[in-house]
Amino acid sequence: EQYSKNILVEAVDLRGFIDADLDKKVETIKEYDLYCYWMFKSTDAIENYNTAKKLKIKYPKSIHVAGGTHVEMMPEESANFFDAIIIGPGEYSFKKVVDDIQQNNLQKIYQQEWKEVPFRDTPFPRRDFLPKDHVVNNNLFNAYGGALSTMVYFSRGCHYRCGFCTLNVPGELQIRSPEMVKSEIKYLKENYNVQAILLKDEIAIHPNEKHSTPLLEAIGESDIIWRGQGTSQVSYDQLKLAYDSGCKEMAVGVETLDGNVMKIINKGWQTEKQILEFVSNAKKIGIKIKMCLIFGLPGEKDNIAEKTIEFIEKNDIDYVNVSGFAPMPGSPIFKDLKRYG
């Protein structure tokens, strides 16, 4: 608010543009003193490195600052492409960047501990800077009547340590307060007529009912339908409360049906029996299941594809999302390739 009278802010949405189309879009970006980049995944990083390079040539006096999961995982690499990087939460660090630029005192690295900025009462992001059709659409819930929908985060981080993953940043699950959840849904309903939400949280339902119950109850009180992702480590009671709160579908990170591979990738807490129980409970309650799988993980047997197809057909899984394994920069496997074979 203190900047609103003398600083012009614009959000440039580059989602959906690739290759030549992205180059053309970057050419239309106007000149600003400061450009900020959010690098969630490594593929985002490549695009942002190139965008920053082009804008720096076009506007030599401009300053470029980046934060996000890839920066957290690969700070030294990221620092080569930007005037400054942000490690940890950005809520206060980005403000500090603006203050330091005004005082001609920009630092190379801005770092803050995640625990110093708890997500519980962090204000939810307003979407006012984006065109309405970049905020809501009817596509996310095609399978459920095409309700007008958008994406939200009601938590950040993950307490699991899967060997292939970089998205457990921070390394714990920080959940918004029920009041903040209800406020964001109310804002989306009143300003965008939102009828459905896709939770982008890494873990939509915390395995501990003490943490999951207040969140699910808050969503339920807001009269909206939703879908999200999580793990098979969720009880019948939690799934029932999720269904009652409006949950239509859960994407579950099964990743593999090979018990030995589960141990190798640090998912030894999951078993095929547990997956079967989760699927059975979801079917009894009426929540559709999207099974997320990764093929090519260390330790897989030659028959993994056949075994997986048999499981999917036998248990009548609603949807399947298949990925090929890649050692993502910053993941445990990336850091120790030899140990993982």
Protein backbone atom coordinates (compact mmCIF):
# COMPACT_ATOMS: atom_id res chain seq x y z
CA GLU A 1 0.00 0.00 0.00
CA GLN A 2 2.84 2.41 0.80
CA TYR A 3 4.07 2.03 -2.81
CA SER A 4 0.70 2.34 -4.55
CA LYS A 5 1.01 6.07 -5.23
CA ASN A 6 4.45 6.09 -6.80
CA ILE A 7 5.15 2.61 -8.19
CA LEU A 8 3.46 1.10 -11.24
CA VAL A 9 3.07 -2.68 -11.08
CA GLU A 10 2.17 -4.99 -13.96
CA ALA A 11 1.86 -8.78 -14.01
CA VAL A 12 3.03 -10.27 -17.32
CA ASP A 13 1.57 -13.76 -17.74
CA LEU A 14 3.75 -15.93 -20.00
CA ARG A 15 1.83 -19.17 -19.40
CA GLY A 16 0.85 -20.93 -22.59
CA PHE A 17 3.51 -19.34 -24.82
CA ILE A 18 6.29 -21.53 -26.20
CA ASP A 19 9.23 -21.14 -28.58
CA ALA A 20 8.59 -18.54 -31.31
CA ASP A 21 5.32 -17.37 -29.75
CA LEU A 22 7.11 -16.80 -26.43
CA ASP A 23 9.82 -14.76 -28.18
CA LYS A 24 7.15 -12.56 -29.78
CA LYS A 25 5.42 -12.10 -26.41
CA VAL A 26 8.68 -11.12 -24.69
CA GLU A 27 9.25 -8.51 -27.43
CA THR A 28 5.99 -6.79 -26.40
CA ILE A 29 6.99 -6.42 -22.73
CA LYS A 30 7.30 -2.75 -21.82
CA GLU A 31 10.29 -1.16 -20.11
CA TYR A 32 10.35 -1.24 -16.32
CA ASP A 33 13.02 -0.61 -13.70
CA LEU A 34 12.56 -4.02 -12.08
CA TYR A 35 11.50 -7.42 -13.42
CA CYS A 36 10.68 -10.24 -10.96
CA TYR A 37 10.54 -13.91 -11.94
CA TRP A 38 8.96 -16.90 -10.24
CA MET A 39 10.78 -20.13 -11.14
CA PHE A 40 8.71 -23.05 -9.89
CA LYS A 41 10.26 -25.85 -11.95
CA SER A 42 13.48 -26.30 -13.90
CA THR A 43 11.65 -25.97 -17.23
CA ASP A 44 10.45 -22.56 -16.03
CA ALA A 45 14.07 -21.68 -15.32
CA ILE A 46 15.19 -22.14 -18.93
CA GLU A 47 12.40 -19.86 -20.16
CA ASN A 48 13.14 -17.25 -17.50
CA TYR A 49 16.90 -17.25 -18.12
CA ASN A 50 16.23 -16.51 -21.80
CA THR A 51 13.57 -13.90 -21.05
CA ALA A 52 15.85 -12.06 -18.62
CA LYS A 53 18.71 -12.12 -21.12
CA LYS A 54 16.56 -10.64 -23.90
CA LEU A 55 15.04 -7.94 -21.68
CA LYS A 56 18.46 -7.01 -20.32
CA ILE A 57 19.71 -6.44 -23.89
CA LYS A 58 16.60 -4.44 -24.78
CA TYR A 59 16.57 -2.43 -21.53
CA PRO A 60 20.20 -2.29 -20.27
CA LYS A 61 19.37 -0.34 -17.10
CA SER A 62 16.72 -2.81 -15.93
CA ILE A 63 17.18 -4.98 -12.83
CA HIS A 64 16.15 -8.66 -12.77
CA VAL A 65 15.35 -10.62 -9.59
CA ALA A 66 14.19 -14.25 -9.28
CA GLY A 67 12.82 -16.53 -6.60
CA GLY A 68 11.01 -19.86 -6.45
CA THR A 69 11.70 -23.54 -6.00
CA HIS A 70 14.36 -23.81 -8.71
CA VAL A 71 16.26 -20.88 -7.21
CA GLU A 72 16.05 -22.61 -3.82
CA MET A 73 17.44 -25.83 -5.31
CA MET A 74 20.07 -24.27 -7.61
CA PRO A 75 21.08 -20.88 -6.16
CA GLU A 76 24.57 -20.70 -7.69
CA GLU A 77 23.31 -21.41 -11.19
CA SER A 78 20.37 -18.98 -10.82
CA ALA A 79 22.62 -16.20 -9.55
CA ASN A 80 24.49 -16.25 -12.88
CA PHE A 81 21.40 -15.06 -14.75
CA PHE A 82 19.91 -12.43 -12.41
CA ASP A 83 21.01 -9.31 -10.58
CA ALA A 84 19.65 -10.78 -7.34
CA ILE A 85 18.01 -13.99 -6.15
CA ILE A 86 15.61 -14.71 -3.30
CA ILE A 87 15.99 -17.84 -1.19
CA GLY A 88 13.17 -18.77 1.14
CA PRO A 89 9.80 -17.00 1.33
CA GLY A 90 9.44 -13.91 -0.83
CA GLU A 91 6.77 -11.94 1.03
CA TYR A 92 9.25 -9.65 2.77
CA SER A 93 12.32 -10.20 0.62
CA PHE A 94 10.70 -8.74 -2.52
CA LYS A 95 9.77 -5.64 -0.53
CA LYS A 96 13.36 -5.40 0.69
CA VAL A 97 14.56 -5.62 -2.93
CA VAL A 98 12.40 -2.62 -3.86
CA ASP A 99 13.64 -0.64 -0.85
CA ASP A 100 17.28 -1.45 -1.64
CA ILE A 101 16.92 -0.49 -5.31
CA GLN A 102 15.51 2.88 -4.29
CA GLN A 103 18.53 3.35 -2.02
CA ASN A 104 20.95 2.09 -4.71
CA ASN A 105 21.97 -0.77 -2.41
CA LEU A 106 20.82 -3.97 -4.15
CA GLN A 107 22.28 -7.17 -2.67
CA LYS A 108 23.05 -10.33 -4.65
CA ILE A 109 21.22 -12.73 -2.30
CA TYR A 110 18.15 -12.15 -0.14
CA GLN A 111 17.48 -15.02 2.24
CA GLN A 112 14.95 -15.65 4.99
CA GLU A 113 13.98 -18.79 6.90
CA TRP A 114 10.57 -20.24 6.05
CA LYS A 115 9.62 -20.47 9.73
CA GLU A 116 10.01 -16.69 10.01
CA VAL A 117 7.12 -16.18 7.57
CA PRO A 118 4.39 -18.66 8.56
CA PHE A 119 1.86 -19.26 5.80
CA ARG A 120 -1.05 -19.49 8.22
CA ASP A 121 -1.98 -15.82 8.15
CA THR A 122 -0.14 -14.66 5.03
CA PRO A 123 -2.63 -12.62 2.98
CA PHE A 124 -3.96 -14.48 -0.04
CA PRO A 125 -2.93 -13.14 -3.47
CA ARG A 126 -5.31 -10.79 -5.22
CA ARG A 127 -5.72 -11.47 -8.94
CA ASP A 128 -6.52 -7.86 -9.93
CA PHE A 129 -3.36 -7.48 -12.05
CA LEU A 130 -4.36 -10.30 -14.42
CA PRO A 131 -6.99 -10.41 -17.18
CA LYS A 132 -10.09 -12.24 -15.97
CA ASP A 133 -9.68 -15.04 -18.52
CA HIS A 134 -6.20 -15.72 -17.08
CA VAL A 135 -7.74 -16.25 -13.64
CA VAL A 136 -10.83 -18.38 -14.29
CA ASN A 137 -12.00 -20.85 -16.92
CA ASN A 138 -14.44 -23.70 -17.49
CA ASN A 139 -11.78 -26.28 -18.39
CA LEU A 140 -10.44 -27.38 -14.99
CA PHE A 141 -13.73 -29.07 -14.12
CA ASN A 142 -14.77 -30.39 -17.54
CA ALA A 143 -15.51 -33.77 -15.98
CA TYR A 144 -17.82 -32.15 -13.42
CA GLY A 145 -20.11 -29.96 -15.48
CA GLY A 146 -17.58 -27.35 -16.56
CA ALA A 147 -17.99 -25.19 -13.46
CA LEU A 148 -16.22 -21.80 -13.55
CA SER A 149 -12.98 -22.49 -11.70
CA THR A 150 -9.52 -21.33 -10.68
CA MET A 151 -6.44 -22.58 -8.83
CA VAL A 152 -5.47 -21.85 -5.21
CA TYR A 153 -2.87 -22.69 -2.60
CA PHE A 154 -4.19 -23.33 0.91
CA SER A 155 -0.84 -24.72 2.08
CA ARG A 156 2.80 -24.70 1.01
CA GLY A 157 5.63 -27.15 1.40
CA CYS A 158 5.70 -30.89 2.09
CA HIS A 159 6.99 -33.01 4.98
CA TYR A 160 7.85 -36.03 2.79
CA ARG A 161 11.35 -36.57 1.35
CA CYS A 162 10.74 -38.39 -1.94
CA GLY A 163 13.99 -39.01 -3.80
CA PHE A 164 12.74 -37.69 -7.16
CA CYS A 165 11.09 -34.50 -5.90
CA THR A 166 12.13 -30.88 -5.39
CA LEU A 167 8.75 -29.50 -4.36
CA ASN A 168 9.06 -30.07 -0.61
CA VAL A 169 9.95 -26.40 -0.12
CA PRO A 170 9.64 -25.64 2.72
CA GLY A 171 10.31 -29.05 4.24
CA GLU A 172 7.11 -28.93 6.26
CA LEU A 173 3.44 -28.39 5.49
CA GLN A 174 2.40 -24.83 6.34
CA ILE A 175 -1.40 -24.51 6.21
CA ARG A 176 -3.51 -21.36 5.95
CA SER A 177 -5.87 -20.55 8.81
CA PRO A 178 -9.55 -21.50 8.31
CA GLU A 179 -10.41 -17.79 8.35
CA MET A 180 -7.96 -17.05 5.54
CA VAL A 181 -9.26 -19.99 3.49
CA LYS A 182 -12.85 -18.78 3.78
CA SER A 183 -11.80 -15.22 2.98
CA GLU A 184 -10.04 -16.26 -0.24
CA ILE A 185 -12.96 -18.36 -1.43
CA LYS A 186 -15.35 -15.50 -0.66
CA TYR A 187 -13.11 -13.11 -2.64
CA LEU A 188 -13.05 -15.50 -5.62
CA LYS A 189 -16.81 -15.97 -5.53
CA GLU A 190 -17.63 -12.28 -5.26
CA ASN A 191 -15.09 -11.05 -7.82
CA TYR A 192 -14.95 -13.92 -10.32
CA ASN A 193 -18.13 -15.98 -9.71
CA VAL A 194 -15.94 -19.01 -9.01
CA GLN A 195 -17.88 -22.24 -8.45
CA ALA A 196 -14.97 -24.69 -8.18
CA ILE A 197 -11.31 -24.67 -7.12
CA LEU A 198 -8.29 -26.80 -7.94
CA LEU A 199 -6.00 -27.04 -4.90
CA LYS A 200 -2.40 -26.84 -6.13
CA ASP A 201 -1.09 -27.78 -2.68
CA GLU A 202 1.48 -30.57 -2.72
CA ILE A 203 -0.54 -32.27 0.05
CA ALA A 204 -4.20 -31.20 0.02
CA ILE A 205 -5.13 -33.46 2.94
CA HIS A 206 -2.58 -33.59 5.77
CA PRO A 207 -2.23 -37.16 7.13
CA ASN A 208 -2.81 -35.78 10.63
CA GLU A 209 -6.53 -35.11 11.19
CA LYS A 210 -5.63 -32.37 13.66
CA HIS A 211 -4.34 -30.34 10.72
CA SER A 212 -6.65 -31.53 7.93
CA THR A 213 -10.00 -31.19 9.73
CA PRO A 214 -10.03 -27.37 10.20
CA LEU A 215 -9.05 -26.85 6.54
CA LEU A 216 -11.68 -29.24 5.18
CA GLU A 217 -14.36 -27.76 7.42
CA ALA A 218 -13.48 -24.25 6.22
CA ILE A 219 -13.83 -25.34 2.59
CA GLY A 220 -17.09 -27.09 3.40
CA GLU A 221 -18.56 -23.95 4.96
CA SER A 222 -17.74 -22.04 1.75
CA ASP A 223 -20.11 -24.08 -0.45
CA ILE A 224 -17.80 -24.89 -3.35
CA ILE A 225 -16.62 -28.01 -5.19
CA TRP A 226 -12.93 -28.84 -5.43
CA ARG A 227 -10.25 -31.34 -6.39
CA GLY A 228 -6.65 -31.66 -5.24
CA GLN A 229 -3.69 -33.97 -4.81
CA GLY A 230 -2.14 -35.86 -1.94
CA THR A 231 -0.91 -39.27 -0.82
CA SER A 232 -2.45 -42.64 -0.06
CA GLN A 233 -1.79 -41.95 3.63
CA VAL A 234 -5.32 -40.66 4.26
CA SER A 235 -8.01 -42.33 6.39
CA TYR A 236 -11.61 -43.16 5.54
CA ASP A 237 -12.84 -40.44 7.91
CA GLN A 238 -10.63 -37.82 6.23
CA LEU A 239 -11.88 -38.81 2.79
CA LYS A 240 -15.48 -38.69 4.01
CA LEU A 241 -14.97 -35.18 5.41
CA ALA A 242 -13.29 -34.16 2.13
CA TYR A 243 -16.29 -35.48 0.16
CA ASP A 244 -18.72 -33.65 2.46
CA SER A 245 -16.70 -30.44 1.91
CA GLY A 246 -17.17 -30.69 -1.87
CA CYS A 247 -14.24 -32.85 -3.02
CA LYS A 248 -14.91 -34.54 -6.36
CA GLU A 249 -11.49 -35.95 -7.17
CA MET A 250 -8.14 -36.71 -5.55
CA ALA A 251 -4.88 -37.14 -7.44
CA VAL A 252 -2.73 -39.51 -5.42
CA GLY A 253 1.04 -39.71 -5.78
CA VAL A 254 1.41 -43.49 -5.95
CA GLU A 255 4.46 -43.15 -8.27
CA THR A 256 5.19 -46.90 -8.34
CA LEU A 257 3.64 -50.26 -7.40
CA ASP A 258 7.05 -51.85 -6.78
CA GLY A 259 7.64 -52.13 -3.02
CA ASN A 260 11.42 -52.18 -3.42
CA VAL A 261 11.37 -49.04 -5.58
CA MET A 262 9.23 -47.31 -2.96
CA LYS A 263 12.01 -47.88 -0.43
CA ILE A 264 14.69 -46.68 -2.87
CA ILE A 265 12.87 -43.38 -3.54
CA ASN A 266 12.19 -42.76 0.17
CA LYS A 267 8.51 -43.74 0.04
CA GLY A 268 8.95 -46.83 2.19
CA TRP A 269 5.96 -45.78 4.30
CA GLN A 270 3.67 -46.65 1.34
CA THR A 271 2.63 -50.22 0.47
CA GLU A 272 0.40 -51.73 -2.21
CA LYS A 273 -2.02 -52.75 0.56
CA GLN A 274 -2.26 -49.12 1.68
CA ILE A 275 -2.89 -47.96 -1.89
CA LEU A 276 -5.66 -50.55 -2.28
CA GLU A 277 -7.29 -49.41 0.97
CA PHE A 278 -7.18 -45.78 -0.14
CA VAL A 279 -8.76 -46.62 -3.52
CA SER A 280 -11.44 -48.75 -1.86
CA ASN A 281 -12.34 -46.02 0.64
CA ALA A 282 -12.51 -43.36 -2.07
CA LYS A 283 -14.83 -45.52 -4.19
CA LYS A 284 -17.13 -46.22 -1.23
CA ILE A 285 -17.38 -42.51 -0.50
CA GLY A 286 -17.73 -41.33 -4.11
CA ILE A 287 -14.43 -39.48 -4.72
CA LYS A 288 -12.83 -40.17 -8.10
CA ILE A 289 -9.16 -41.13 -8.13
CA LYS A 290 -6.38 -39.96 -10.42
CA MET A 291 -3.37 -42.24 -9.99
CA CYS A 292 -0.05 -40.43 -10.59
CA LEU A 293 2.79 -42.67 -11.77
CA ILE A 294 6.46 -42.33 -12.69
CA PHE A 295 8.09 -44.87 -14.97
CA GLY A 296 11.88 -45.23 -15.15
CA LEU A 297 12.58 -44.95 -11.42
CA PRO A 298 15.74 -46.60 -10.01
CA GLY A 299 15.29 -50.30 -9.21
CA GLU A 300 12.28 -51.00 -11.44
CA LYS A 301 11.75 -54.52 -12.75
CA ASP A 302 11.15 -55.18 -16.44
CA ASN A 303 7.50 -56.09 -15.85
CA ILE A 304 6.54 -52.85 -14.04
CA ALA A 305 4.36 -51.57 -16.91
CA GLU A 306 2.36 -54.82 -17.14
CA LYS A 307 1.93 -54.98 -13.36
CA THR A 308 0.72 -51.38 -13.26
CA ILE A 309 -1.77 -51.83 -16.12
CA GLU A 310 -3.16 -54.93 -14.40
CA PHE A 311 -3.61 -52.98 -11.15
CA ILE A 312 -5.35 -50.08 -12.92
CA GLU A 313 -7.77 -52.36 -14.79
CA LYS A 314 -8.49 -54.63 -11.82
CA ASN A 315 -9.27 -51.69 -9.50
CA ASP A 316 -11.08 -49.57 -12.11
CA ILE A 317 -8.96 -46.44 -11.51
CA ASP A 318 -10.79 -43.37 -12.88
CA TYR A 319 -7.84 -41.39 -14.26
CA VAL A 320 -4.11 -42.01 -14.67
CA ASN A 321 -1.30 -39.47 -14.99
CA VAL A 322 1.97 -40.94 -16.31
CA SER A 323 5.37 -39.25 -16.14
CA GLY A 324 8.82 -40.36 -17.21
CA PHE A 325 11.48 -40.13 -14.51
CA ALA A 326 13.95 -37.26 -14.73
CA PRO A 327 16.50 -36.47 -11.99
CA MET A 328 15.27 -32.94 -11.30
CA PRO A 329 17.99 -30.45 -10.29
CA GLY A 330 18.14 -30.27 -6.51
CA SER A 331 16.35 -33.56 -5.81
CA PRO A 332 18.03 -36.21 -3.62
CA ILE A 333 18.59 -38.45 -6.67
CA PHE A 334 20.12 -35.56 -8.64
CA LYS A 335 22.51 -34.83 -5.78
CA ASP A 336 23.68 -38.44 -5.46
CA LEU A 337 23.23 -40.21 -8.81
CA LYS A 338 25.62 -43.07 -8.06
CA ARG A 339 23.90 -44.01 -4.83
CA TYR A 340 20.61 -44.43 -6.70
CA GLY A 341 22.18 -46.42 -9.53
